Amino acid sequence: MLAVGTTTGVVRNGVERVRCPRCHQGGTRVIDSRDLESGSTIRRRRECEACAHRFTTYERPEGARLTVIKRDGSRQEFDRGKLTAGLLRALEKRPVTLAQVEEAVDDIESQLRARGEQEVSSKAIGQLATESLRDIDQLAYIRFASVYHSYEDISTLKREVDRLMRQRTGATEE
């Protein structure tokens, strides 16, 4: 399991221990554990043994490494942080919670891993991100799509907005 959050691990006797974010000591104890997202993430409340500060860590199993094939043919390791940052940029100043963004990133990563391939194209990631944003926030979807699809003129962007409006109207009429 990989601890995710503002804490860093301390290896002692071959066992990784979580550091306290306040005093940076390596001794903490788990107060409460809960499964989140159908068991794919574990939320742990911890207490520092040195200063009694309480904090939360999120742990998720580290799967097989995914390699992203970029448009220029170069390869780099899949980075959840980059995907999250891209979605957050599109969602800037929109009424969307960080939990919704994390859920979307989890869903995108699950879909990529479900393919069973160790290499995925950046195009596939972009398409999944675009689809997620369409469901989360339509304005963010347009922002992301306009950059991702490199719309060259306003008429192309207008066609995409019109298509989105037809989909939205069709969904409410049913």
C-alpha atoms as a PDB file:
ATOM      1  CA  MET A   1       0.000   0.000   0.000  1.00  0.00           C
ATOM      2  CA  LEU A   2       1.160   3.475  -0.783  1.00  0.00           C
ATOM      3  CA  ALA A   3       0.396   6.307   1.632  1.00  0.00           C
ATOM      4  CA  VAL A   4      -0.871   9.361  -0.175  1.00  0.00           C
ATOM      5  CA  GLY A   5      -0.934  12.802   1.389  1.00  0.00           C
ATOM      6  CA  THR A   6       1.385  15.328   2.940  1.00  0.00           C
ATOM      7  CA  THR A   7       3.268  12.751   4.958  1.00  0.00           C
ATOM      8  CA  THR A   8       6.459  11.007   3.926  1.00  0.00           C
ATOM      9  CA  GLY A   9       7.459   7.532   4.907  1.00  0.00           C
ATOM     10  CA  VAL A  10      10.263   6.548   7.245  1.00  0.00           C
ATOM     11  CA  VAL A  11      11.756   3.100   6.721  1.00  0.00           C
ATOM     12  CA  ARG A  12      12.598   1.370   9.979  1.00  0.00           C
ATOM     13  CA  ASN A  13      13.477  -2.350  10.142  1.00  0.00           C
ATOM     14  CA  GLY A  14      12.254  -2.775   6.565  1.00  0.00           C
ATOM     15  CA  VAL A  15       8.815  -1.325   7.384  1.00  0.00           C
ATOM     16  CA  GLU A  16       7.723   2.051   6.047  1.00  0.00           C
ATOM     17  CA  ARG A  17       6.304   4.314   8.767  1.00  0.00           C
ATOM     18  CA  VAL A  18       4.296   7.465   8.220  1.00  0.00           C
ATOM     19  CA  ARG A  19       5.751  10.765   9.465  1.00  0.00           C
ATOM     20  CA  CYS A  20       3.707  13.289  11.372  1.00  0.00           C
ATOM     21  CA  PRO A  21       3.119  16.423   9.248  1.00  0.00           C
ATOM     22  CA  ARG A  22       3.505  18.627  12.366  1.00  0.00           C
ATOM     23  CA  CYS A  23       6.602  17.305  14.182  1.00  0.00           C
ATOM     24  CA  HIS A  24       7.988  14.985  11.454  1.00  0.00           C
ATOM     25  CA  GLN A  25       8.467  12.058  13.837  1.00  0.00           C
ATOM     26  CA  GLY A  26       8.053   8.590  12.383  1.00  0.00           C
ATOM     27  CA  GLY A  27       5.874   7.002  15.056  1.00  0.00           C
ATOM     28  CA  THR A  28       2.130   7.143  14.404  1.00  0.00           C
ATOM     29  CA  ARG A  29      -0.731   4.878  15.284  1.00  0.00           C
ATOM     30  CA  VAL A  30      -3.900   4.239  13.314  1.00  0.00           C
ATOM     31  CA  ILE A  31      -7.058   5.369  15.117  1.00  0.00           C
ATOM     32  CA  ASP A  32      -9.621   4.559  12.410  1.00  0.00           C
ATOM     33  CA  SER A  33      -9.587   2.917   8.950  1.00  0.00           C
ATOM     34  CA  ARG A  34     -12.327   3.051   6.331  1.00  0.00           C
ATOM     35  CA  ASP A  35     -12.591   1.741   2.794  1.00  0.00           C
ATOM     36  CA  LEU A  36     -13.488   4.345   0.210  1.00  0.00           C
ATOM     37  CA  GLU A  37     -14.465   3.978  -3.451  1.00  0.00           C
ATOM     38  CA  SER A  38     -15.438   0.312  -3.338  1.00  0.00           C
ATOM     39  CA  GLY A  39     -12.311  -0.657  -1.443  1.00  0.00           C
ATOM     40  CA  SER A  40      -9.793   0.815  -3.891  1.00  0.00           C
ATOM     41  CA  THR A  41      -8.695   3.436  -1.347  1.00  0.00           C
ATOM     42  CA  ILE A  42      -8.287   3.254   2.428  1.00  0.00           C
ATOM     43  CA  ARG A  43      -8.737   6.360   4.581  1.00  0.00           C
ATOM     44  CA  ARG A  44      -6.806   6.196   7.848  1.00  0.00           C
ATOM     45  CA  ARG A  45      -7.008   8.585  10.790  1.00  0.00           C
ATOM     46  CA  ARG A  46      -3.641   8.601  12.529  1.00  0.00           C
ATOM     47  CA  GLU A  47      -2.249  10.047  15.736  1.00  0.00           C
ATOM     48  CA  CYS A  48       1.399  10.967  16.260  1.00  0.00           C
ATOM     49  CA  GLU A  49       2.913   9.138  19.209  1.00  0.00           C
ATOM     50  CA  ALA A  50       5.242  12.085  19.900  1.00  0.00           C
ATOM     51  CA  CYS A  51       2.962  15.148  19.761  1.00  0.00           C
ATOM     52  CA  ALA A  52      -0.572  13.598  19.655  1.00  0.00           C
ATOM     53  CA  HIS A  53      -1.420  15.495  16.426  1.00  0.00           C
ATOM     54  CA  ARG A  54      -4.176  13.766  14.440  1.00  0.00           C
ATOM     55  CA  PHE A  55      -4.172  13.650  10.637  1.00  0.00           C
ATOM     56  CA  THR A  56      -5.575  11.650   7.722  1.00  0.00           C
ATOM     57  CA  THR A  57      -3.797   9.563   5.101  1.00  0.00           C
ATOM     58  CA  TYR A  58      -5.243   7.947   1.996  1.00  0.00           C
ATOM     59  CA  GLU A  59      -3.732   4.722   0.760  1.00  0.00           C
ATOM     60  CA  ARG A  60      -4.262   2.969  -2.536  1.00  0.00           C
ATOM     61  CA  PRO A  61      -2.571  -0.110  -3.937  1.00  0.00           C
ATOM     62  CA  GLU A  62       0.164   0.642  -6.382  1.00  0.00           C
ATOM     63  CA  GLY A  63      -0.688  -1.151  -9.614  1.00  0.00           C
ATOM     64  CA  ALA A  64       1.524  -2.089 -12.511  1.00  0.00           C
ATOM     65  CA  ARG A  65       3.278   0.898 -14.017  1.00  0.00           C
ATOM     66  CA  LEU A  66       1.514   2.553 -16.933  1.00  0.00           C
ATOM     67  CA  THR A  67       3.576   4.206 -19.644  1.00  0.00           C
ATOM     68  CA  VAL A  68       2.101   7.073 -21.637  1.00  0.00           C
ATOM     69  CA  ILE A  69       3.008   7.383 -25.306  1.00  0.00           C
ATOM     70  CA  LYS A  70       3.025  11.100 -26.080  1.00  0.00           C
ATOM     71  CA  ARG A  71       2.047  12.618 -29.454  1.00  0.00           C
ATOM     72  CA  ASP A  72       5.706  13.056 -30.381  1.00  0.00           C
ATOM     73  CA  GLY A  73       6.370   9.351 -29.733  1.00  0.00           C
ATOM     74  CA  SER A  74       8.219   9.868 -26.460  1.00  0.00           C
ATOM     75  CA  ARG A  75       7.261   7.799 -23.429  1.00  0.00           C
ATOM     76  CA  GLN A  76       6.858   8.724 -19.787  1.00  0.00           C
ATOM     77  CA  GLU A  77       5.357   7.155 -16.703  1.00  0.00           C
ATOM     78  CA  PHE A  78       1.656   7.837 -16.085  1.00  0.00           C
ATOM     79  CA  ASP A  79       1.319  10.621 -13.528  1.00  0.00           C
ATOM     80  CA  ARG A  80      -1.971  11.011 -11.639  1.00  0.00           C
ATOM     81  CA  GLY A  81      -0.813  14.447 -10.531  1.00  0.00           C
ATOM     82  CA  LYS A  82      -0.566  15.715 -14.101  1.00  0.00           C
ATOM     83  CA  LEU A  83      -4.027  14.391 -14.915  1.00  0.00           C
ATOM     84  CA  THR A  84      -5.458  15.957 -11.760  1.00  0.00           C
ATOM     85  CA  ALA A  85      -3.754  19.287 -12.543  1.00  0.00           C
ATOM     86  CA  GLY A  86      -5.189  19.282 -16.073  1.00  0.00           C
ATOM     87  CA  LEU A  87      -8.704  18.661 -14.827  1.00  0.00           C
ATOM     88  CA  LEU A  88      -8.334  21.286 -12.096  1.00  0.00           C
ATOM     89  CA  ARG A  89      -7.163  23.836 -14.669  1.00  0.00           C
ATOM     90  CA  ALA A  90     -10.306  23.240 -16.734  1.00  0.00           C
ATOM     91  CA  LEU A  91     -12.473  23.336 -13.591  1.00  0.00           C
ATOM     92  CA  GLU A  92     -10.932  26.521 -12.202  1.00  0.00           C
ATOM     93  CA  LYS A  93     -13.583  28.730 -10.576  1.00  0.00           C
ATOM     94  CA  ARG A  94     -16.303  26.149 -11.247  1.00  0.00           C
ATOM     95  CA  PRO A  95     -18.581  24.712  -8.526  1.00  0.00           C
ATOM     96  CA  VAL A  96     -16.885  21.306  -8.430  1.00  0.00           C
ATOM     97  CA  THR A  97     -15.364  19.691  -5.349  1.00  0.00           C
ATOM     98  CA  LEU A  98     -11.899  18.201  -5.131  1.00  0.00           C
ATOM     99  CA  ALA A  99     -13.578  14.895  -4.252  1.00  0.00           C
ATOM    100  CA  GLN A 100     -15.350  14.922  -7.636  1.00  0.00           C
ATOM    101  CA  VAL A 101     -12.029  15.534  -9.383  1.00  0.00           C
ATOM    102  CA  GLU A 102     -10.332  12.716  -7.462  1.00  0.00           C
ATOM    103  CA  GLU A 103     -13.225  10.400  -8.312  1.00  0.00           C
ATOM    104  CA  ALA A 104     -12.867  11.290 -12.006  1.00  0.00           C
ATOM    105  CA  VAL A 105      -9.093  10.662 -11.901  1.00  0.00           C
ATOM    106  CA  ASP A 106      -9.689   7.323 -10.138  1.00  0.00           C
ATOM    107  CA  ASP A 107     -12.236   6.377 -12.789  1.00  0.00           C
ATOM    108  CA  ILE A 108      -9.927   7.347 -15.668  1.00  0.00           C
ATOM    109  CA  GLU A 109      -7.016   5.427 -14.157  1.00  0.00           C
ATOM    110  CA  SER A 110      -9.261   2.365 -13.574  1.00  0.00           C
ATOM    111  CA  GLN A 111     -10.403   2.424 -17.193  1.00  0.00           C
ATOM    112  CA  LEU A 112      -6.801   2.644 -18.388  1.00  0.00           C
ATOM    113  CA  ARG A 113      -5.698  -0.249 -16.169  1.00  0.00           C
ATOM    114  CA  ALA A 114      -8.754  -2.328 -17.147  1.00  0.00           C
ATOM    115  CA  ARG A 115      -7.437  -2.380 -20.710  1.00  0.00           C
ATOM    116  CA  GLY A 116      -4.658  -4.632 -19.485  1.00  0.00           C
ATOM    117  CA  GLU A 117      -2.012  -2.778 -21.483  1.00  0.00           C
ATOM    118  CA  GLN A 118       1.168  -1.354 -19.991  1.00  0.00           C
ATOM    119  CA  GLU A 119       1.301   1.436 -22.584  1.00  0.00           C
ATOM    120  CA  VAL A 120      -1.483   3.908 -23.315  1.00  0.00           C
ATOM    121  CA  SER A 121      -1.563   6.850 -25.678  1.00  0.00           C
ATOM    122  CA  SER A 122      -1.933  10.388 -24.406  1.00  0.00           C
ATOM    123  CA  LYS A 123      -4.822  10.624 -26.872  1.00  0.00           C
ATOM    124  CA  ALA A 124      -6.711   7.873 -25.006  1.00  0.00           C
ATOM    125  CA  ILE A 125      -6.151   9.674 -21.696  1.00  0.00           C
ATOM    126  CA  GLY A 126      -7.341  12.955 -23.220  1.00  0.00           C
ATOM    127  CA  GLN A 127     -10.497  11.327 -24.548  1.00  0.00           C
ATOM    128  CA  LEU A 128     -11.313   9.809 -21.162  1.00  0.00           C
ATOM    129  CA  ALA A 129     -10.640  13.151 -19.445  1.00  0.00           C
ATOM    130  CA  THR A 130     -12.886  14.935 -21.947  1.00  0.00           C
ATOM    131  CA  GLU A 131     -15.697  12.446 -21.340  1.00  0.00           C
ATOM    132  CA  SER A 132     -15.359  12.817 -17.566  1.00  0.00           C
ATOM    133  CA  LEU A 133     -15.464  16.603 -17.777  1.00  0.00           C
ATOM    134  CA  ARG A 134     -18.560  16.449 -19.990  1.00  0.00           C
ATOM    135  CA  ASP A 135     -20.330  14.647 -17.132  1.00  0.00           C
ATOM    136  CA  ILE A 136     -18.938  16.861 -14.353  1.00  0.00           C
ATOM    137  CA  ASP A 137     -19.203  20.387 -15.773  1.00  0.00           C
ATOM    138  CA  GLN A 138     -20.037  21.362 -19.345  1.00  0.00           C
ATOM    139  CA  LEU A 139     -18.155  24.665 -19.281  1.00  0.00           C
ATOM    140  CA  ALA A 140     -15.018  22.902 -18.053  1.00  0.00           C
ATOM    141  CA  TYR A 141     -15.560  20.347 -20.802  1.00  0.00           C
ATOM    142  CA  ILE A 142     -15.539  23.113 -23.427  1.00  0.00           C
ATOM    143  CA  ARG A 143     -12.420  24.677 -21.868  1.00  0.00           C
ATOM    144  CA  PHE A 144     -10.559  21.366 -21.869  1.00  0.00           C
ATOM    145  CA  ALA A 145     -11.782  20.301 -25.311  1.00  0.00           C
ATOM    146  CA  SER A 146     -10.830  23.639 -26.884  1.00  0.00           C
ATOM    147  CA  VAL A 147      -7.224  23.133 -25.768  1.00  0.00           C
ATOM    148  CA  TYR A 148      -7.065  19.352 -26.184  1.00  0.00           C
ATOM    149  CA  HIS A 149      -8.636  19.309 -29.665  1.00  0.00           C
ATOM    150  CA  SER A 150      -6.802  22.511 -30.678  1.00  0.00           C
ATOM    151  CA  TYR A 151      -9.866  24.171 -32.178  1.00  0.00           C
ATOM    152  CA  GLU A 152      -8.488  26.443 -34.867  1.00  0.00           C
ATOM    153  CA  ASP A 153     -11.370  28.872 -35.167  1.00  0.00           C
ATOM    154  CA  ILE A 154     -14.521  30.014 -33.450  1.00  0.00           C
ATOM    155  CA  SER A 155     -16.823  28.138 -35.850  1.00  0.00           C
ATOM    156  CA  THR A 156     -15.298  24.787 -34.818  1.00  0.00           C
ATOM    157  CA  LEU A 157     -15.788  25.698 -31.169  1.00  0.00           C
ATOM    158  CA  LYS A 158     -19.367  26.801 -31.910  1.00  0.00           C
ATOM    159  CA  ARG A 159     -20.137  23.448 -33.580  1.00  0.00           C
ATOM    160  CA  GLU A 160     -18.926  21.646 -30.444  1.00  0.00           C
ATOM    161  CA  VAL A 161     -21.046  23.887 -28.180  1.00  0.00           C
ATOM    162  CA  ASP A 162     -24.072  23.323 -30.465  1.00  0.00           C
ATOM    163  CA  ARG A 163     -23.512  19.541 -30.319  1.00  0.00           C
ATOM    164  CA  LEU A 164     -23.311  19.715 -26.531  1.00  0.00           C
ATOM    165  CA  MET A 165     -26.535  21.752 -26.389  1.00  0.00           C
ATOM    166  CA  ARG A 166     -28.336  19.210 -28.638  1.00  0.00           C
ATOM    167  CA  GLN A 167     -27.193  16.391 -26.332  1.00  0.00           C
ATOM    168  CA  ARG A 168     -28.317  18.304 -23.265  1.00  0.00           C
ATOM    169  CA  THR A 169     -31.725  19.144 -24.784  1.00  0.00           C
ATOM    170  CA  GLY A 170     -32.210  15.553 -25.924  1.00  0.00           C
ATOM    171  CA  ALA A 171     -31.437  14.274 -22.434  1.00  0.00           C
ATOM    172  CA  THR A 172     -34.032  16.548 -20.793  1.00  0.00           C
ATOM    173  CA  GLU A 173     -36.772  15.726 -23.340  1.00  0.00           C
ATOM    174  CA  GLU A 174     -36.559  11.964 -22.691  1.00  0.00           C
END
